[in-house]
Amino acid sequence: MFERLQEAADRKADKLLLRVIHRLSQNETPKDIEVEPIDDGVRLSGRGLKRRMIDDAQLRNFGR
């Protein structure tokens, strides 16, 4: 009985996750930072990304 309910909830969660990943991958990023959608989120890459995450408010607030 609860299996169907759980399957429906899992499908809905998967759809929501895909929408969020798509939205995040479309966000504008600072120069030289790339966004790549992956199965369970997005991957940010770029030269000096660690330092830039501290200095750049746009990167710190990327997921908001």
N, C-alpha and C. Protein backbone atom coordinates (compact mmCIF):
# COMPACT_ATOMS: atom_id res chain seq x y z
N MET A 1 0.82 -1.19 0.00
CA MET A 1 0.00 0.00 0.00
C MET A 1 0.86 1.26 0.00
N PHE A 2 1.85 1.30 0.88
CA PHE A 2 2.70 2.48 0.96
C PHE A 2 3.75 2.52 -0.14
N GLU A 3 3.97 1.41 -0.81
CA GLU A 3 4.98 1.38 -1.86
C GLU A 3 4.63 2.32 -3.00
N ARG A 4 3.35 2.32 -3.40
CA ARG A 4 2.93 3.22 -4.49
C ARG A 4 3.09 4.68 -4.08
N LEU A 5 2.75 4.97 -2.84
CA LEU A 5 2.89 6.34 -2.34
C LEU A 5 4.37 6.75 -2.33
N GLN A 6 5.23 5.85 -1.90
CA GLN A 6 6.67 6.12 -1.88
C GLN A 6 7.21 6.30 -3.30
N GLU A 7 6.78 5.49 -4.23
CA GLU A 7 7.23 5.62 -5.62
C GLU A 7 6.79 6.95 -6.21
N ALA A 8 5.57 7.36 -5.93
CA ALA A 8 5.08 8.66 -6.42
C ALA A 8 5.89 9.80 -5.82
N ALA A 9 6.19 9.71 -4.53
CA ALA A 9 7.00 10.75 -3.88
C ALA A 9 8.41 10.78 -4.46
N ASP A 10 8.98 9.62 -4.74
CA ASP A 10 10.31 9.57 -5.34
C ASP A 10 10.33 10.19 -6.73
N ARG A 11 9.30 9.91 -7.53
CA ARG A 11 9.23 10.51 -8.87
C ARG A 11 9.12 12.03 -8.78
N LYS A 12 8.30 12.51 -7.85
CA LYS A 12 8.12 13.95 -7.70
C LYS A 12 9.43 14.60 -7.24
N ALA A 13 10.13 13.95 -6.32
CA ALA A 13 11.41 14.49 -5.85
C ALA A 13 12.44 14.51 -6.98
N ASP A 14 12.46 13.48 -7.81
CA ASP A 14 13.39 13.45 -8.95
C ASP A 14 13.10 14.57 -9.92
N LYS A 15 11.83 14.83 -10.21
CA LYS A 15 11.47 15.92 -11.11
C LYS A 15 11.90 17.27 -10.54
N LEU A 16 11.68 17.45 -9.24
CA LEU A 16 12.07 18.69 -8.59
C LEU A 16 13.58 18.87 -8.65
N LEU A 17 14.32 17.82 -8.38
CA LEU A 17 15.78 17.88 -8.44
C LEU A 17 16.26 18.27 -9.83
N LEU A 18 15.68 17.68 -10.86
CA LEU A 18 16.06 18.02 -12.23
C LEU A 18 15.77 19.48 -12.56
N ARG A 19 14.64 19.99 -12.07
CA ARG A 19 14.31 21.40 -12.31
C ARG A 19 15.31 22.32 -11.63
N VAL A 20 15.69 21.99 -10.40
CA VAL A 20 16.66 22.82 -9.67
C VAL A 20 18.03 22.76 -10.35
N ILE A 21 18.44 21.58 -10.77
CA ILE A 21 19.72 21.45 -11.48
C ILE A 21 19.70 22.28 -12.75
N HIS A 22 18.62 22.22 -13.50
CA HIS A 22 18.51 23.01 -14.74
C HIS A 22 18.56 24.50 -14.43
N ARG A 23 17.84 24.94 -13.40
CA ARG A 23 17.83 26.36 -13.04
C ARG A 23 19.23 26.82 -12.64
N LEU A 24 19.91 26.02 -11.82
CA LEU A 24 21.26 26.40 -11.40
C LEU A 24 22.24 26.42 -12.56
N SER A 25 22.09 25.49 -13.49
CA SER A 25 23.03 25.45 -14.62
C SER A 25 22.81 26.62 -15.58
N GLN A 26 21.67 27.28 -15.50
CA GLN A 26 21.39 28.43 -16.35
C GLN A 26 21.77 29.76 -15.71
N ASN A 27 22.14 29.74 -14.42
CA ASN A 27 22.51 30.97 -13.72
C ASN A 27 23.73 31.61 -14.37
N GLU A 28 23.75 32.91 -14.33
CA GLU A 28 24.90 33.65 -14.84
C GLU A 28 26.04 33.53 -13.83
N THR A 29 27.23 33.31 -14.33
CA THR A 29 28.40 33.18 -13.46
C THR A 29 29.43 34.23 -13.84
N PRO A 30 30.33 34.52 -12.91
CA PRO A 30 31.41 35.46 -13.24
C PRO A 30 32.31 34.92 -14.35
N LYS A 31 33.10 35.80 -14.90
CA LYS A 31 34.01 35.46 -15.99
C LYS A 31 34.91 34.28 -15.59
N ASP A 32 35.13 33.37 -16.52
CA ASP A 32 36.03 32.22 -16.38
C ASP A 32 35.53 31.14 -15.42
N ILE A 33 34.29 31.19 -15.00
CA ILE A 33 33.71 30.14 -14.16
C ILE A 33 32.70 29.39 -15.01
N GLU A 34 32.83 28.07 -15.03
CA GLU A 34 31.92 27.24 -15.82
C GLU A 34 31.01 26.44 -14.90
N VAL A 35 29.77 26.25 -15.35
CA VAL A 35 28.79 25.46 -14.61
C VAL A 35 28.44 24.26 -15.47
N GLU A 36 28.51 23.08 -14.87
CA GLU A 36 28.20 21.85 -15.59
C GLU A 36 27.15 21.07 -14.79
N PRO A 37 25.99 20.78 -15.41
CA PRO A 37 25.01 19.96 -14.70
C PRO A 37 25.50 18.52 -14.60
N ILE A 38 25.33 17.91 -13.43
CA ILE A 38 25.66 16.51 -13.23
C ILE A 38 24.44 15.83 -12.62
N ASP A 39 24.50 14.53 -12.43
CA ASP A 39 23.33 13.77 -11.98
C ASP A 39 22.69 14.29 -10.70
N ASP A 40 23.50 14.67 -9.73
CA ASP A 40 22.92 15.05 -8.45
C ASP A 40 23.21 16.49 -8.06
N GLY A 41 23.49 17.36 -9.04
CA GLY A 41 23.73 18.76 -8.77
C GLY A 41 24.43 19.44 -9.92
N VAL A 42 25.20 20.44 -9.60
CA VAL A 42 25.99 21.14 -10.61
C VAL A 42 27.45 21.20 -10.15
N ARG A 43 28.33 21.28 -11.11
CA ARG A 43 29.76 21.38 -10.82
C ARG A 43 30.25 22.73 -11.31
N LEU A 44 30.82 23.50 -10.39
CA LEU A 44 31.45 24.76 -10.75
C LEU A 44 32.93 24.49 -10.94
N SER A 45 33.51 25.09 -11.96
CA SER A 45 34.94 24.92 -12.18
C SER A 45 35.51 26.21 -12.74
N GLY A 46 36.76 26.41 -12.43
CA GLY A 46 37.45 27.59 -12.94
C GLY A 46 38.72 27.83 -12.15
N ARG A 47 39.58 28.60 -12.71
CA ARG A 47 40.86 28.88 -12.09
C ARG A 47 40.64 29.74 -10.84
N GLY A 48 41.25 29.33 -9.73
CA GLY A 48 41.17 30.10 -8.49
C GLY A 48 39.78 30.09 -7.87
N LEU A 49 39.03 29.04 -8.10
CA LEU A 49 37.64 29.02 -7.65
C LEU A 49 37.52 29.10 -6.13
N LYS A 50 38.38 28.42 -5.40
CA LYS A 50 38.31 28.48 -3.92
C LYS A 50 38.44 29.91 -3.43
N ARG A 51 39.44 30.59 -3.90
CA ARG A 51 39.66 31.97 -3.47
C ARG A 51 38.51 32.86 -3.92
N ARG A 52 38.06 32.64 -5.13
CA ARG A 52 37.00 33.48 -5.67
C ARG A 52 35.67 33.25 -4.94
N MET A 53 35.45 32.03 -4.42
CA MET A 53 34.23 31.77 -3.65
C MET A 53 34.20 32.64 -2.41
N ILE A 54 35.36 32.92 -1.83
CA ILE A 54 35.44 33.77 -0.65
C ILE A 54 35.25 35.23 -1.01
N ASP A 55 35.86 35.66 -2.10
CA ASP A 55 35.87 37.07 -2.48
C ASP A 55 34.62 37.53 -3.22
N ASP A 56 33.98 36.67 -3.97
CA ASP A 56 32.89 37.05 -4.87
C ASP A 56 31.52 36.67 -4.30
N ALA A 57 30.74 37.67 -3.99
CA ALA A 57 29.42 37.42 -3.41
C ALA A 57 28.50 36.66 -4.37
N GLN A 58 28.67 36.87 -5.66
CA GLN A 58 27.85 36.16 -6.63
C GLN A 58 28.09 34.65 -6.56
N LEU A 59 29.32 34.24 -6.35
CA LEU A 59 29.63 32.82 -6.22
C LEU A 59 29.19 32.27 -4.86
N ARG A 60 29.37 33.06 -3.81
CA ARG A 60 28.93 32.60 -2.49
C ARG A 60 27.45 32.34 -2.45
N ASN A 61 26.68 33.12 -3.16
CA ASN A 61 25.22 33.01 -3.17
C ASN A 61 24.70 32.29 -4.41
N PHE A 62 25.51 31.46 -5.02
CA PHE A 62 25.17 30.85 -6.30
C PHE A 62 23.87 30.04 -6.25
N GLY A 63 23.65 29.29 -5.21
CA GLY A 63 22.47 28.42 -5.14
C GLY A 63 21.22 29.07 -4.63
N ARG A 64 21.26 30.33 -4.33
CA ARG A 64 20.09 31.02 -3.75
C ARG A 64 19.26 31.67 -4.80
